[in-house]
Amino acid sequence: MLAKANDRKITDLVDFYRHWPELRRSAVALSERGDIGEDEQDVLRWMIRVIDRVGPSDLS
């Protein structure tokens, strides 16, 4: 299943990067949920840190 942002399917990594500001808010909210385990929260937090470090030159 492909992720969606504003009812638009994300088709590739570059498209995901373009939508990251919107998707980041969802990822942060998920990482703060109390109904998922600590390990899953840590994975989400690390994912956010890694993706935040990606820039346009990394995608070319």
Protein backbone atom coordinates (compact mmCIF):
# COMPACT_ATOMS: atom_id res chain seq x y z
CA MET A 1 0.00 0.00 0.00
CA LEU A 2 1.41 3.38 -0.99
CA ALA A 3 1.37 6.26 1.45
CA LYS A 4 -0.99 9.11 0.68
CA ALA A 5 -0.72 12.82 1.29
CA ASN A 6 -3.77 14.97 0.74
CA ASP A 7 -5.45 12.13 -1.20
CA ARG A 8 -2.52 11.90 -3.65
CA LYS A 9 -0.59 8.71 -3.95
CA ILE A 10 3.12 9.02 -3.33
CA THR A 11 4.83 7.31 -6.22
CA ASP A 12 8.55 7.43 -5.46
CA LEU A 13 11.26 8.69 -3.14
CA VAL A 14 11.40 12.16 -4.69
CA ASP A 15 7.63 12.51 -4.35
CA PHE A 16 7.86 11.36 -0.73
CA TYR A 17 10.56 14.00 -0.09
CA ARG A 18 8.35 16.71 -1.58
CA HIS A 19 5.54 15.74 0.79
CA TRP A 20 7.81 15.25 3.84
CA PRO A 21 6.78 18.48 5.61
CA GLU A 22 3.17 17.23 5.70
CA LEU A 23 4.10 13.63 6.36
CA ARG A 24 6.51 14.62 9.13
CA ARG A 25 3.63 15.94 11.24
CA SER A 26 1.91 12.55 10.96
CA ALA A 27 5.12 10.68 11.79
CA VAL A 28 5.69 12.83 14.88
CA ALA A 29 2.10 12.29 16.02
CA LEU A 30 2.48 8.54 15.55
CA SER A 31 5.74 8.52 17.50
CA GLU A 32 3.98 10.18 20.43
CA ARG A 33 1.07 7.76 20.62
CA GLY A 34 0.76 5.89 23.85
CA ASP A 35 -0.78 2.81 22.27
CA ILE A 36 2.37 1.71 20.45
CA GLY A 37 5.43 0.22 22.07
CA GLU A 38 8.56 2.07 23.08
CA ASP A 39 10.58 0.24 20.42
CA GLU A 40 8.19 1.37 17.69
CA GLN A 41 8.27 4.94 19.01
CA ASP A 42 12.08 4.87 18.87
CA VAL A 43 12.03 3.56 15.30
CA LEU A 44 9.72 6.38 14.24
CA ARG A 45 11.83 9.01 16.01
CA TRP A 46 15.00 7.73 14.31
CA MET A 47 13.21 7.60 10.96
CA ILE A 48 12.24 11.26 11.39
CA ARG A 49 15.82 12.22 12.27
CA VAL A 50 17.21 10.41 9.24
CA ILE A 51 14.67 11.79 6.77
CA ASP A 52 15.17 15.31 8.13
CA ARG A 53 18.81 15.05 7.04
CA VAL A 54 17.95 14.23 3.42
CA GLY A 55 18.29 17.13 1.03
CA PRO A 56 17.72 17.75 -2.67
CA SER A 57 21.32 16.88 -3.54
CA ASP A 58 20.85 13.43 -1.97
CA LEU A 59 18.06 12.66 -4.41
CA SER A 60 19.83 13.57 -7.65
